[in-house]
N, C-alpha and C. Protein backbone atom coordinates (compact mmCIF):
# COMPACT_ATOMS: atom_id res chain seq x y z
N MET A 1 33.99 21.66 -37.28
CA MET A 1 35.42 22.07 -38.07
C MET A 1 34.62 23.47 -38.26
N PRO A 2 36.11 24.60 -37.86
CA PRO A 2 36.32 25.58 -38.23
C PRO A 2 35.24 26.25 -39.55
N ALA A 3 34.29 27.35 -39.55
CA ALA A 3 33.64 27.87 -40.94
C ALA A 3 35.25 28.42 -41.25
N LYS A 4 36.29 28.51 -41.39
CA LYS A 4 37.41 29.02 -42.29
C LYS A 4 38.70 28.56 -41.46
N LYS A 5 39.59 28.74 -42.18
CA LYS A 5 41.23 28.10 -42.02
C LYS A 5 41.61 29.90 -41.65
N VAL A 6 42.44 29.76 -40.98
CA VAL A 6 43.01 31.30 -40.18
C VAL A 6 44.81 30.59 -40.78
N THR A 7 45.35 32.14 -41.73
CA THR A 7 46.50 31.90 -41.84
C THR A 7 47.58 32.17 -41.82
N VAL A 8 48.60 31.18 -41.90
CA VAL A 8 49.17 31.30 -41.13
C VAL A 8 51.05 31.47 -41.76
N GLY A 9 51.36 32.55 -40.77
CA GLY A 9 52.91 32.18 -41.25
C GLY A 9 54.77 31.76 -40.63
N VAL A 10 55.01 30.44 -41.64
CA VAL A 10 55.79 29.46 -39.92
C VAL A 10 56.78 30.07 -40.36
N GLU A 11 58.52 30.19 -38.84
CA GLU A 11 59.85 31.21 -39.86
C GLU A 11 60.38 30.05 -38.73
N VAL A 12 61.45 29.09 -39.67
CA VAL A 12 62.30 28.68 -39.37
C VAL A 12 63.87 28.68 -38.84
N THR A 13 64.24 28.04 -37.52
CA THR A 13 66.03 28.21 -36.95
C THR A 13 66.47 27.19 -37.49
N GLN A 14 67.35 25.97 -37.11
CA GLN A 14 67.66 24.47 -36.62
C GLN A 14 67.19 24.48 -35.41
N LYS A 15 66.92 25.34 -35.43
CA LYS A 15 66.99 25.54 -33.29
C LYS A 15 65.54 25.55 -32.72
N LYS A 16 64.29 26.57 -32.90
CA LYS A 16 63.53 26.83 -33.01
C LYS A 16 62.84 27.53 -34.37
N ALA A 17 61.15 27.09 -34.09
CA ALA A 17 60.42 27.38 -35.49
C ALA A 17 58.93 27.94 -34.65
N PHE A 18 58.78 29.51 -35.32
CA PHE A 18 57.20 30.13 -34.50
C PHE A 18 56.68 29.72 -35.85
N ALA A 19 55.20 29.41 -35.05
CA ALA A 19 54.19 29.71 -35.60
C ALA A 19 52.97 31.19 -36.27
N SER A 20 52.58 31.17 -37.09
CA SER A 20 52.06 32.75 -36.22
C SER A 20 51.33 33.10 -37.23
N ALA A 21 49.50 33.08 -36.33
CA ALA A 21 48.19 33.50 -37.24
C ALA A 21 48.16 34.98 -37.37
N LEU A 22 48.58 34.98 -38.88
CA LEU A 22 48.87 36.42 -39.89
C LEU A 22 47.57 37.54 -39.25
N ASP A 23 45.97 37.12 -39.02
CA ASP A 23 45.50 38.09 -38.97
C ASP A 23 44.73 37.62 -36.90
N TRP A 24 45.54 37.61 -36.47
CA TRP A 24 45.51 37.34 -34.65
C TRP A 24 46.53 37.97 -33.92
N PRO A 25 46.93 38.99 -33.66
CA PRO A 25 47.94 39.61 -32.83
C PRO A 25 48.30 38.88 -32.17
N GLY A 26 49.07 38.25 -31.75
CA GLY A 26 49.44 37.42 -30.40
C GLY A 26 49.25 36.51 -30.43
N TRP A 27 48.66 35.61 -31.30
CA TRP A 27 48.76 33.72 -31.35
C TRP A 27 49.76 33.64 -32.43
N THR A 28 50.80 33.86 -30.74
CA THR A 28 52.06 32.98 -31.64
C THR A 28 53.31 31.98 -30.64
N ARG A 29 53.14 31.24 -31.25
CA ARG A 29 53.20 29.95 -30.70
C ARG A 29 54.44 29.28 -31.30
N ALA A 30 55.50 28.72 -30.41
CA ALA A 30 56.47 28.21 -31.03
C ALA A 30 57.38 26.61 -30.51
N GLY A 31 58.12 26.26 -31.47
CA GLY A 31 58.16 24.67 -31.40
C GLY A 31 59.98 24.45 -32.50
N LYS A 32 59.98 22.83 -31.37
CA LYS A 32 61.26 22.49 -32.31
C LYS A 32 61.38 22.50 -33.63
N THR A 33 60.24 22.35 -34.36
CA THR A 33 60.30 21.90 -35.67
C THR A 33 58.95 23.14 -35.99
N PRO A 34 58.41 22.85 -36.99
CA PRO A 34 57.07 24.04 -37.91
C PRO A 34 56.38 23.35 -37.32
N GLU A 35 56.13 22.18 -37.94
CA GLU A 35 55.77 20.83 -37.52
C GLU A 35 54.75 21.57 -36.03
N ALA A 36 55.91 21.23 -35.05
CA ALA A 36 55.60 21.38 -34.01
C ALA A 36 55.09 22.59 -33.07
N ALA A 37 55.81 24.15 -33.92
CA ALA A 37 54.94 25.24 -33.58
C ALA A 37 53.62 25.12 -33.89
N VAL A 38 53.03 24.67 -34.90
CA VAL A 38 51.87 24.79 -35.22
C VAL A 38 50.63 23.95 -35.29
N GLU A 39 51.03 22.68 -34.00
CA GLU A 39 51.23 21.96 -32.72
C GLU A 39 50.31 23.24 -31.73
N ALA A 40 51.64 23.86 -31.65
CA ALA A 40 51.71 24.63 -29.85
C ALA A 40 50.71 25.56 -30.38
N LEU A 41 50.23 26.07 -32.08
CA LEU A 41 49.65 26.76 -31.69
C LEU A 41 47.62 26.62 -32.20
N ALA A 42 48.28 25.59 -32.60
CA ALA A 42 46.18 24.82 -32.35
C ALA A 42 46.03 24.65 -30.55
N ALA A 43 46.77 23.93 -30.13
CA ALA A 43 46.98 24.13 -28.26
C ALA A 43 46.53 25.29 -27.97
N ALA A 44 46.87 26.33 -28.11
CA ALA A 44 46.41 27.24 -27.86
C ALA A 44 45.50 28.24 -27.62
N ALA A 45 44.88 28.25 -29.00
CA ALA A 45 43.25 28.71 -29.38
C ALA A 45 42.92 29.10 -28.25
N GLN A 46 42.08 28.74 -27.13
CA GLN A 46 41.59 28.07 -26.15
C GLN A 46 42.42 28.94 -25.69
N ARG A 47 43.24 29.38 -25.35
CA ARG A 47 44.01 30.68 -24.06
C ARG A 47 43.61 31.98 -24.97
N TYR A 48 43.42 32.28 -26.64
CA TYR A 48 43.77 33.27 -27.55
C TYR A 48 42.52 32.84 -27.46
N ALA A 49 41.89 32.84 -27.42
CA ALA A 49 39.91 33.41 -27.65
C ALA A 49 39.89 34.18 -25.67
N ALA A 50 40.49 33.96 -25.33
CA ALA A 50 39.60 34.89 -24.10
C ALA A 50 39.96 36.34 -24.58
N VAL A 51 40.95 36.31 -25.44
CA VAL A 51 41.98 38.06 -25.74
C VAL A 51 40.81 38.41 -26.90
N ALA A 52 40.41 37.60 -27.79
CA ALA A 52 39.82 37.81 -28.97
C ALA A 52 38.18 37.93 -28.19
N LYS A 53 37.62 37.83 -27.63
CA LYS A 53 36.50 37.89 -26.67
C LYS A 53 36.62 39.40 -25.14
N LYS A 54 38.09 39.67 -25.06
CA LYS A 54 38.17 40.66 -24.07
C LYS A 54 38.17 41.93 -24.93
N ALA A 55 38.44 42.00 -26.49
CA ALA A 55 38.13 42.89 -27.84
C ALA A 55 36.54 42.62 -28.68
N LYS A 56 36.42 41.64 -27.83
CA LYS A 56 34.68 41.73 -28.59
C LYS A 56 34.35 41.16 -30.24
N LEU A 57 35.72 40.43 -30.17
CA LEU A 57 35.84 39.66 -31.22
C LEU A 57 35.84 38.42 -31.45
N ASP A 58 34.21 37.41 -32.54
CA ASP A 58 34.16 36.84 -33.45
C ASP A 58 35.11 35.97 -33.57
N PHE A 59 35.59 34.51 -32.63
CA PHE A 59 36.59 33.83 -32.59
C PHE A 59 35.76 32.30 -33.06
N PRO A 60 35.88 31.00 -33.91
CA PRO A 60 34.79 30.26 -33.47
C PRO A 60 36.24 29.47 -33.63
N TYR A 61 37.25 29.50 -32.53
CA TYR A 61 38.01 28.68 -34.03
C TYR A 61 38.40 27.81 -32.06
N ASP A 62 39.21 26.28 -32.27
CA ASP A 62 39.54 25.50 -30.95
C ASP A 62 40.86 24.96 -30.66
N GLU A 63 41.00 23.69 -30.47
CA GLU A 63 41.91 23.23 -30.51
C GLU A 63 42.09 22.38 -32.10
N SER A 64 40.85 22.40 -32.51
CA SER A 64 40.58 21.64 -34.38
C SER A 64 40.85 22.19 -34.83
N VAL A 65 41.60 23.66 -34.90
CA VAL A 65 41.84 25.27 -35.85
C VAL A 65 41.92 24.43 -37.31
N ALA A 66 41.46 24.71 -38.25
CA ALA A 66 42.34 24.49 -39.26
C ALA A 66 43.29 25.89 -39.92
N PHE A 67 44.59 25.22 -40.34
CA PHE A 67 45.55 26.35 -40.55
C PHE A 67 45.70 25.88 -41.80
N ASP A 68 46.82 27.25 -42.60
CA ASP A 68 47.07 27.00 -44.13
C ASP A 68 47.94 28.59 -44.22
N VAL A 69 48.87 27.45 -44.05
CA VAL A 69 50.29 27.68 -43.85
C VAL A 69 50.60 28.37 -45.10
N VAL A 70 50.27 30.24 -45.64
CA VAL A 70 50.82 30.89 -46.39
C VAL A 70 52.66 31.35 -46.29
N GLU A 71 52.96 30.65 -45.75
CA GLU A 71 53.70 31.54 -45.97
C GLU A 71 55.35 31.00 -44.94
N GLU A 72 56.36 30.79 -45.63
CA GLU A 72 57.63 30.30 -44.67
C GLU A 72 58.72 30.90 -45.13
N ALA A 73 59.66 31.04 -43.83
CA ALA A 73 60.58 31.96 -44.50
C ALA A 73 61.18 31.58 -43.45
N GLU A 74 63.17 31.77 -43.94
CA GLU A 74 64.18 31.35 -42.97
C GLU A 74 64.27 32.13 -42.18
N GLY A 75 64.43 32.13 -40.07
CA GLY A 75 64.72 32.37 -39.30
C GLY A 75 65.39 33.09 -39.02
N ASN A 76 66.22 33.93 -37.91
CA ASN A 76 67.36 34.37 -38.33
C ASN A 76 67.38 34.36 -36.38
N ALA A 77 68.59 34.67 -36.24
CA ALA A 77 69.15 35.26 -34.28
C ALA A 77 68.53 34.81 -33.37
N THR A 78 67.56 35.93 -34.00
CA THR A 78 66.09 36.21 -32.74
C THR A 78 65.17 35.00 -33.22
N THR A 79 65.28 34.56 -34.12
CA THR A 79 64.34 33.38 -34.18
C THR A 79 65.22 32.84 -32.89
N ALA A 80 65.70 31.66 -33.24
CA ALA A 80 66.52 31.01 -32.57
C ALA A 80 66.31 31.01 -31.35
N PHE A 81 66.64 32.55 -30.94
CA PHE A 81 66.88 33.24 -29.52
C PHE A 81 65.45 33.04 -28.27
N GLY A 82 64.85 33.26 -28.87
CA GLY A 82 62.98 33.13 -28.39
C GLY A 82 62.03 33.90 -29.48
N ALA A 83 62.47 34.84 -30.01
CA ALA A 83 60.97 35.84 -30.33
C ALA A 83 61.25 35.34 -31.82
N PRO A 84 59.93 35.61 -31.96
CA PRO A 84 59.02 35.94 -33.64
C PRO A 84 59.55 36.70 -34.42
N ASP A 85 60.33 37.02 -35.62
CA ASP A 85 61.80 37.75 -35.62
C ASP A 85 61.36 38.23 -37.01
N VAL A 86 60.34 37.66 -38.26
CA VAL A 86 60.59 37.76 -39.18
C VAL A 86 58.95 38.16 -40.56
N ARG A 87 59.60 39.01 -40.25
CA ARG A 87 58.25 40.26 -41.56
C ARG A 87 57.61 39.22 -43.09
N PHE A 88 56.77 38.30 -42.32
CA PHE A 88 56.60 37.92 -43.91
C PHE A 88 55.63 39.06 -44.74
N GLU A 89 55.55 38.72 -46.23
CA GLU A 89 55.17 39.47 -46.89
C GLU A 89 53.42 40.08 -46.67
N ALA A 90 53.11 39.10 -46.22
CA ALA A 90 51.16 39.44 -45.23
C ALA A 90 51.31 40.57 -44.52
N ASP A 91 52.23 40.28 -43.91
CA ASP A 91 52.60 41.71 -42.40
C ASP A 91 53.02 43.16 -43.22
N HIS A 92 53.43 42.93 -44.95
CA HIS A 92 53.40 44.17 -45.48
C HIS A 92 51.67 44.96 -46.44
N ARG A 93 50.48 44.02 -45.71
CA ARG A 93 49.81 44.80 -46.48
C ARG A 93 49.16 46.15 -46.10
N ARG A 94 48.42 46.82 -46.15
CA ARG A 94 48.18 48.03 -46.46
C ARG A 94 47.02 47.26 -45.10
N THR A 95 46.32 48.56 -44.55
CA THR A 95 45.20 48.98 -43.07
C THR A 95 44.46 50.18 -43.31
N THR A 96 43.54 49.51 -43.65
CA THR A 96 42.93 50.83 -43.30
C THR A 96 41.88 51.36 -41.62
N ALA A 97 41.05 52.32 -41.60
CA ALA A 97 40.32 52.81 -40.18
C ALA A 97 40.55 51.11 -39.78
N THR A 98 39.66 50.62 -40.59
CA THR A 98 38.93 49.62 -39.87
C THR A 98 39.91 48.29 -39.25
N ASP A 99 41.32 48.24 -40.50
CA ASP A 99 42.44 47.08 -39.60
C ASP A 99 42.95 47.53 -38.49
N GLY A 100 43.59 48.78 -38.44
CA GLY A 100 43.62 49.05 -37.92
C GLY A 100 42.68 49.41 -36.29
N GLU A 101 42.16 50.34 -36.09
CA GLU A 101 41.07 49.68 -35.01
C GLU A 101 40.67 48.15 -34.70
N ARG A 102 41.19 47.23 -36.05
CA ARG A 102 40.87 45.71 -34.80
C ARG A 102 42.00 45.89 -34.43
N LEU A 103 43.32 45.49 -34.76
CA LEU A 103 44.59 45.21 -34.65
C LEU A 103 44.74 46.53 -33.14
N ALA A 104 45.00 46.90 -33.31
CA ALA A 104 44.63 47.70 -31.89
C ALA A 104 43.41 47.78 -30.56
N THR A 105 42.99 47.24 -31.34
CA THR A 105 42.40 46.17 -30.37
C THR A 105 42.45 44.34 -28.92
N LEU A 106 42.96 44.90 -31.07
CA LEU A 106 43.51 42.92 -29.91
C LEU A 106 45.08 43.15 -29.50
N VAL A 107 45.90 44.14 -29.36
CA VAL A 107 46.85 44.88 -28.63
C VAL A 107 46.17 44.97 -27.44
N ALA A 108 45.01 45.88 -27.33
CA ALA A 108 44.74 46.24 -26.10
C ALA A 108 44.24 45.42 -25.42
N ALA A 109 44.29 44.35 -25.84
CA ALA A 109 43.27 42.68 -24.78
C ALA A 109 44.21 42.48 -24.82
N SER A 110 45.53 42.56 -25.23
CA SER A 110 45.89 41.32 -24.46
C SER A 110 46.96 41.52 -24.11
N TYR A 111 47.72 43.35 -23.56
CA TYR A 111 47.32 44.06 -22.39
C TYR A 111 46.45 44.05 -22.13
N ALA A 112 45.55 44.30 -21.51
CA ALA A 112 44.92 44.09 -20.36
C ALA A 112 44.64 42.16 -19.69
N ILE A 113 45.08 41.03 -20.30
CA ILE A 113 45.23 39.74 -19.60
C ILE A 113 46.35 40.17 -19.08
N LEU A 114 47.92 41.36 -19.31
CA LEU A 114 49.29 40.69 -18.81
C LEU A 114 48.20 41.10 -17.36
N ASP A 115 46.97 41.93 -17.54
CA ASP A 115 48.13 43.37 -15.63
C ASP A 115 46.87 42.26 -15.02
N ALA A 116 45.51 41.65 -16.11
CA ALA A 116 44.95 40.93 -15.06
C ALA A 116 45.08 39.36 -14.16
N VAL A 117 46.34 39.01 -15.11
CA VAL A 117 47.31 37.87 -14.46
C VAL A 117 48.69 37.92 -13.65
N VAL A 118 48.56 39.25 -13.84
CA VAL A 118 50.31 40.19 -12.50
C VAL A 118 49.25 40.90 -11.93
N ALA A 119 48.43 41.14 -11.85
CA ALA A 119 47.28 41.23 -10.05
C ALA A 119 46.66 40.38 -9.50
N ARG A 120 46.78 38.56 -10.10
CA ARG A 120 45.90 37.59 -9.11
C ARG A 120 47.47 36.56 -8.77
N ALA A 121 49.14 37.00 -10.16
CA ALA A 121 49.46 35.99 -9.41
C ALA A 121 50.48 36.05 -8.13
N PRO A 122 51.41 35.60 -7.46
CA PRO A 122 52.47 35.18 -6.44
C PRO A 122 53.40 35.92 -7.09
N ALA A 123 53.96 36.73 -5.75
CA ALA A 123 55.55 37.78 -6.14
C ALA A 123 56.02 36.06 -7.08
N THR A 124 56.10 35.95 -5.92
CA THR A 124 57.68 34.18 -6.65
C THR A 124 56.59 33.28 -7.05
N LEU A 125 57.34 33.76 -8.28
CA LEU A 125 56.91 32.02 -9.33
C LEU A 125 57.75 30.93 -8.84
N ARG A 126 56.66 29.90 -9.35
CA ARG A 126 57.64 28.23 -9.60
C ARG A 126 58.72 28.65 -10.62
N LYS A 127 59.87 27.52 -10.44
CA LYS A 127 60.85 28.08 -11.09
C LYS A 127 61.10 26.31 -12.26
N GLY A 128 61.70 27.04 -13.21
CA GLY A 128 61.90 26.42 -13.66
C GLY A 128 61.95 24.69 -13.91
N PRO A 129 62.21 23.12 -14.89
CA PRO A 129 63.16 22.51 -13.83
C PRO A 129 64.59 22.33 -13.74
N ARG A 130 64.85 23.73 -14.43
CA ARG A 130 66.47 23.88 -14.23
C ARG A 130 66.65 24.83 -12.78
N GLY A 131 66.05 25.45 -12.54
CA GLY A 131 65.43 26.17 -11.65
C GLY A 131 65.28 27.80 -11.76
N GLY A 132 65.46 28.06 -13.28
CA GLY A 132 64.81 29.68 -13.94
C GLY A 132 63.88 29.83 -13.64
N GLY A 133 63.78 31.22 -14.08
CA GLY A 133 63.17 31.21 -14.97
C GLY A 133 62.79 33.03 -13.42
N ARG A 134 62.12 34.20 -14.18
CA ARG A 134 62.26 35.69 -13.35
C ARG A 134 60.52 34.99 -12.57
N ASP A 135 61.25 35.65 -11.69
CA ASP A 135 59.56 36.02 -10.74
C ASP A 135 58.84 37.37 -10.87
N ARG A 136 57.60 37.67 -11.07
CA ARG A 136 56.52 38.12 -11.23
C ARG A 136 57.10 39.31 -11.86
N ASP A 137 57.90 40.01 -10.85
CA ASP A 137 58.06 42.41 -10.97
C ASP A 137 59.28 42.19 -11.53
N LYS A 138 59.80 40.39 -11.85
CA LYS A 138 61.39 41.01 -12.68
C LYS A 138 60.42 41.06 -14.55
N ILE A 139 59.28 40.09 -14.59
CA ILE A 139 58.89 40.33 -15.75
C ILE A 139 58.31 40.61 -16.00
N VAL A 140 57.40 41.46 -15.06
CA VAL A 140 56.01 43.09 -15.92
C VAL A 140 58.22 44.03 -16.45
N GLU A 141 59.02 43.90 -15.29
CA GLU A 141 60.31 44.70 -15.79
C GLU A 141 60.60 44.46 -16.74
N HIS A 142 60.66 43.49 -17.31
CA HIS A 142 61.75 43.27 -19.00
C HIS A 142 60.21 43.49 -19.72
N VAL A 143 59.02 43.51 -19.75
CA VAL A 143 57.75 43.31 -20.87
C VAL A 143 57.81 44.60 -20.85
N VAL A 144 57.75 45.85 -20.42
CA VAL A 144 58.30 47.06 -20.20
C VAL A 144 59.72 47.75 -20.54
N GLY A 145 60.34 46.82 -20.34
CA GLY A 145 61.39 47.37 -20.65
C GLY A 145 61.64 47.25 -22.32
N ALA A 146 60.90 45.93 -22.53
CA ALA A 146 60.91 45.21 -24.05
C ALA A 146 59.80 46.61 -24.28
N ASP A 147 58.87 46.70 -23.84
CA ASP A 147 57.73 47.44 -24.75
C ASP A 147 59.13 49.11 -25.33
N GLY A 148 59.74 49.40 -24.33
CA GLY A 148 60.64 51.01 -24.38
C GLY A 148 61.13 50.51 -26.75
N GLY A 149 61.87 49.46 -26.23
CA GLY A 149 63.00 49.22 -27.36
C GLY A 149 61.86 49.29 -28.51
N TYR A 150 60.56 48.81 -28.86
CA TYR A 150 59.42 48.31 -29.85
C TYR A 150 59.29 49.35 -30.47
N ALA A 151 58.92 50.53 -29.19
CA ALA A 151 57.92 51.59 -29.15
C ALA A 151 59.15 52.28 -30.33
N ARG A 152 60.15 52.70 -30.17
CA ARG A 152 61.70 53.19 -30.50
C ARG A 152 61.58 52.68 -32.19
N VAL A 153 61.59 50.97 -32.13
CA VAL A 153 61.81 50.67 -33.95
C VAL A 153 59.67 50.85 -34.30
N MET A 154 58.86 50.92 -33.88
CA MET A 154 57.71 52.22 -34.39
C MET A 154 57.72 53.62 -34.75
N GLY A 155 59.49 53.71 -34.01
CA GLY A 155 59.47 55.51 -34.47
C GLY A 155 59.07 56.73 -33.59
N LEU A 156 58.91 56.26 -32.23
CA LEU A 156 58.03 57.39 -31.28
C LEU A 156 59.81 57.20 -30.63
N LYS A 157 59.28 58.35 -29.68
CA LYS A 157 60.31 59.12 -28.62
C LYS A 157 59.53 59.38 -27.32
N GLY A 158 61.54 58.85 -26.10
CA GLY A 158 60.64 58.74 -25.12
C GLY A 158 59.68 58.07 -24.36
N THR A 159 60.69 56.84 -24.77
CA THR A 159 59.83 55.22 -24.50
C THR A 159 60.30 54.66 -23.34
N GLY A 160 61.54 55.60 -22.21
CA GLY A 160 61.67 54.78 -21.12
C GLY A 160 60.84 55.70 -20.72
N VAL A 161 60.12 54.27 -19.28
CA VAL A 161 59.69 54.10 -18.40
C VAL A 161 59.46 53.70 -17.44
N ASP A 162 59.50 53.96 -16.29
CA ASP A 162 59.36 53.11 -15.31
C ASP A 162 58.40 52.35 -15.27
N PRO A 163 58.37 50.93 -14.81
CA PRO A 163 57.59 49.72 -15.02
C PRO A 163 57.46 50.03 -13.46
N ARG A 164 57.07 50.41 -12.30
CA ARG A 164 56.62 50.41 -11.40
C ARG A 164 55.31 52.11 -11.07
N ASP A 165 55.78 53.03 -12.36
CA ASP A 165 54.24 54.12 -12.77
C ASP A 165 53.60 54.08 -13.67
N SER A 166 52.75 53.44 -12.71
CA SER A 166 51.22 52.61 -13.44
C SER A 166 51.27 54.20 -15.19
N HIS A 167 50.95 54.33 -15.06
CA HIS A 167 50.59 55.50 -15.22
C HIS A 167 51.18 56.14 -16.62
N ALA A 168 52.67 56.20 -16.34
CA ALA A 168 53.49 56.07 -17.15
C ALA A 168 53.22 55.47 -18.28
N VAL A 169 53.14 53.85 -18.34
CA VAL A 169 53.26 52.42 -18.77
C VAL A 169 52.45 52.51 -19.41
N ALA A 170 50.50 53.22 -19.29
CA ALA A 170 49.83 53.54 -19.63
C ALA A 170 49.66 53.87 -20.90
N GLY A 171 50.29 55.16 -20.28
CA GLY A 171 50.97 56.19 -21.38
C GLY A 171 50.99 55.77 -22.66
N LEU A 172 52.57 54.93 -22.35
CA LEU A 172 53.73 54.23 -23.50
C LEU A 172 52.25 53.37 -24.05
N ARG A 173 52.24 52.67 -23.93
CA ARG A 173 50.82 51.02 -24.37
C ARG A 173 49.99 51.99 -25.23
N THR A 174 49.65 53.57 -24.69
CA THR A 174 48.56 53.24 -25.25
C THR A 174 49.25 54.89 -26.43
N ARG A 175 50.40 55.03 -26.92
CA ARG A 175 51.03 55.75 -27.53
C ARG A 175 51.24 55.00 -29.15
N MET A 176 51.25 53.84 -28.75
CA MET A 176 51.43 52.49 -28.89
C MET A 176 51.32 52.40 -29.99
N ILE A 177 49.48 51.99 -29.62
CA ILE A 177 48.75 51.16 -29.88
C ILE A 177 47.98 52.81 -30.58
N ASP A 178 48.42 53.55 -30.83
CA ASP A 178 47.67 55.31 -31.30
C ASP A 178 48.44 54.46 -32.89
N VAL A 179 49.22 54.57 -32.77
CA VAL A 179 50.24 53.81 -33.63
C VAL A 179 50.07 52.54 -34.96
N ILE A 180 50.39 51.67 -33.81
CA ILE A 180 48.90 50.28 -34.77
C ILE A 180 47.54 50.47 -35.38
N ARG A 181 46.65 51.94 -34.87
CA ARG A 181 45.98 51.52 -34.90
C ARG A 181 45.41 52.34 -35.84
N ALA A 182 46.49 53.97 -36.22
CA ALA A 182 46.07 55.08 -37.90
C ALA A 182 46.54 54.03 -39.42
N PRO A 183 45.19 53.82 -40.59
CA PRO A 183 46.08 53.45 -41.60
C PRO A 183 47.41 53.66 -41.97
N SER A 184 47.48 52.50 -42.11
CA SER A 184 48.99 52.69 -43.25
C SER A 184 48.69 52.15 -44.86
N ASP A 185 49.89 52.25 -45.44
CA ASP A 185 50.47 52.54 -46.80
C ASP A 185 50.92 50.65 -46.69
N GLY A 186 51.62 50.52 -45.37
CA GLY A 186 52.03 48.92 -44.71
C GLY A 186 53.24 49.06 -45.38
N SER A 187 53.50 50.07 -45.14
CA SER A 187 55.75 50.22 -45.30
C SER A 187 55.68 50.53 -43.66
N PRO A 188 57.71 50.66 -43.32
CA PRO A 188 58.33 50.07 -42.22
C PRO A 188 57.24 51.37 -41.47
N LEU A 189 57.29 51.38 -40.28
CA LEU A 189 56.63 52.55 -39.02
C LEU A 189 58.10 53.41 -39.15
N GLY A 190 57.39 54.43 -38.92
CA GLY A 190 58.83 55.73 -38.79
C GLY A 190 59.73 54.80 -39.51
N GLY A 191 60.31 54.70 -40.84
CA GLY A 191 60.80 54.75 -42.07
C GLY A 191 62.20 53.41 -41.94
N ARG A 192 62.27 52.82 -40.63
CA ARG A 192 62.55 52.08 -39.65
C ARG A 192 62.61 50.64 -40.03
N LYS A 193 62.16 49.42 -39.50
CA LYS A 193 62.08 48.45 -39.87
C LYS A 193 61.21 47.57 -39.51
N TRP A 194 59.49 48.23 -39.27
CA TRP A 194 58.72 47.48 -38.55
C TRP A 194 57.33 48.08 -38.98
N PRO A 195 56.26 47.02 -40.28
CA PRO A 195 54.96 47.67 -40.60
C PRO A 195 54.12 47.09 -39.53
N VAL A 196 53.44 48.05 -39.66
CA VAL A 196 52.27 48.00 -38.55
C VAL A 196 51.62 46.49 -38.35
N ARG A 197 51.09 45.81 -39.13
CA ARG A 197 50.63 44.77 -39.37
C ARG A 197 51.56 43.40 -38.42
N TYR A 198 52.80 43.96 -38.64
CA TYR A 198 53.79 42.68 -37.99
C TYR A 198 54.17 43.44 -36.15
N ALA A 199 54.30 45.07 -36.38
CA ALA A 199 54.44 45.41 -34.96
C ALA A 199 53.54 45.03 -33.85
N ALA A 200 51.81 45.36 -34.25
CA ALA A 200 50.71 44.44 -33.56
C ALA A 200 51.15 42.94 -33.08
N ARG A 201 51.85 42.47 -33.76
CA ARG A 201 52.42 40.78 -33.80
C ARG A 201 53.26 40.79 -32.53
N ARG A 202 54.20 41.12 -32.87
CA ARG A 202 55.74 40.89 -31.83
C ARG A 202 54.64 41.75 -30.31
N VAL A 203 54.58 42.65 -30.68
CA VAL A 203 53.91 43.91 -29.69
C VAL A 203 52.55 42.48 -28.81
N ALA A 204 51.97 42.04 -29.14
CA ALA A 204 50.77 41.62 -28.26
C ALA A 204 51.24 40.37 -28.31
N TRP A 205 52.19 39.60 -28.58
CA TRP A 205 53.00 37.85 -28.85
C TRP A 205 53.78 38.13 -27.38
N HIS A 206 54.30 39.17 -27.53
CA HIS A 206 55.08 39.31 -25.66
C HIS A 206 54.26 39.38 -24.47
N ALA A 207 53.63 40.29 -25.01
CA ALA A 207 52.48 40.08 -23.36
C ALA A 207 51.54 39.08 -23.10
N LEU A 208 51.29 38.74 -24.18
CA LEU A 208 51.15 36.66 -23.79
C LEU A 208 51.90 36.44 -23.87
N ASP A 209 52.76 36.08 -24.36
CA ASP A 209 53.67 34.88 -23.77
C ASP A 209 54.14 34.90 -22.37
N HIS A 210 54.55 36.33 -22.25
CA HIS A 210 54.81 36.32 -20.94
C HIS A 210 53.76 36.27 -19.36
N ALA A 211 52.55 37.04 -19.97
CA ALA A 211 51.02 36.58 -19.10
C ALA A 211 51.00 34.82 -18.69
N TRP A 212 51.01 34.09 -19.64
CA TRP A 212 50.66 32.63 -19.77
C TRP A 212 51.70 31.60 -19.09
N GLU A 213 52.98 32.10 -19.44
CA GLU A 213 54.58 31.60 -18.70
C GLU A 213 54.57 32.28 -17.31
N ILE A 214 53.30 33.46 -16.89
CA ILE A 214 53.31 34.12 -15.49
C ILE A 214 52.12 32.40 -15.48
N GLU A 215 50.97 32.38 -16.05
CA GLU A 215 49.81 31.53 -14.89
C GLU A 215 50.41 29.91 -14.96
N ASP A 216 51.11 29.50 -15.85
CA ASP A 216 51.60 27.93 -16.05
C ASP A 216 53.06 28.29 -14.72
N ARG A 217 53.38 29.42 -14.43
CA ARG A 217 54.36 29.42 -13.37
C ARG A 217 53.74 29.84 -11.46
N SER A 218 52.91 29.54 -11.85
CA SER A 218 51.83 30.39 -10.54
C SER A 218 51.49 29.11 -9.81
N GLY A 219 50.91 27.95 -10.01
CA GLY A 219 50.86 27.13 -8.73
C GLY A 219 52.11 26.80 -9.54
N PRO A 220 51.96 25.00 -8.15
CA PRO A 220 52.89 24.07 -7.43
C PRO A 220 53.23 22.91 -9.09
N ALA A 221 54.42 22.31 -8.87
CA ALA A 221 54.56 21.59 -10.03
C ALA A 221 53.56 21.14 -10.46
N GLY A 222 53.12 20.38 -11.27
CA GLY A 222 51.97 19.20 -11.70
C GLY A 222 53.00 18.42 -12.25
């Protein structure tokens, strides 16, 4: 049994639910129901352990992790479409310099995991059951484009970068991580809509979600 429970927020729509570990950015999974989303979150514990290890943080959890669902909220059209979009009350907590460093380290680790997966993946990925799904480079292009949008919501300017320009991509990520690292009173970044804890959660989730997709679609159909 884990030493303590992991606090979780769940956002729910008729089509899809997301469960997010509120203190572990990127540890977010989806399911058709809230229960299925929490089950998927538990199933992803070992995968997420690699992120915590990369960040040099203790992560004493496995598939038997005990969750404490502290918030459940109605999702929106973005939730139903396929992205965790609800800002929970817990996301508005202030962050100290120590909190910010921890969040920033986990987001950086999520990007490092994505880069490592991309580096070893084939260019052409196995298609989904209906023949869909982007190939590797298109996924990278999508993630970088989304990061540009995320960065603007975080109050940054000049966020459009060429996904083939590794220096520019790294620079954008660094700017985003620096925003996450800075202490915050929990207000929306840049006077917009994302508090820093949610920004870290959304950015890390997107990088990991596509890293794990690439891993799952790199091999032959099983």
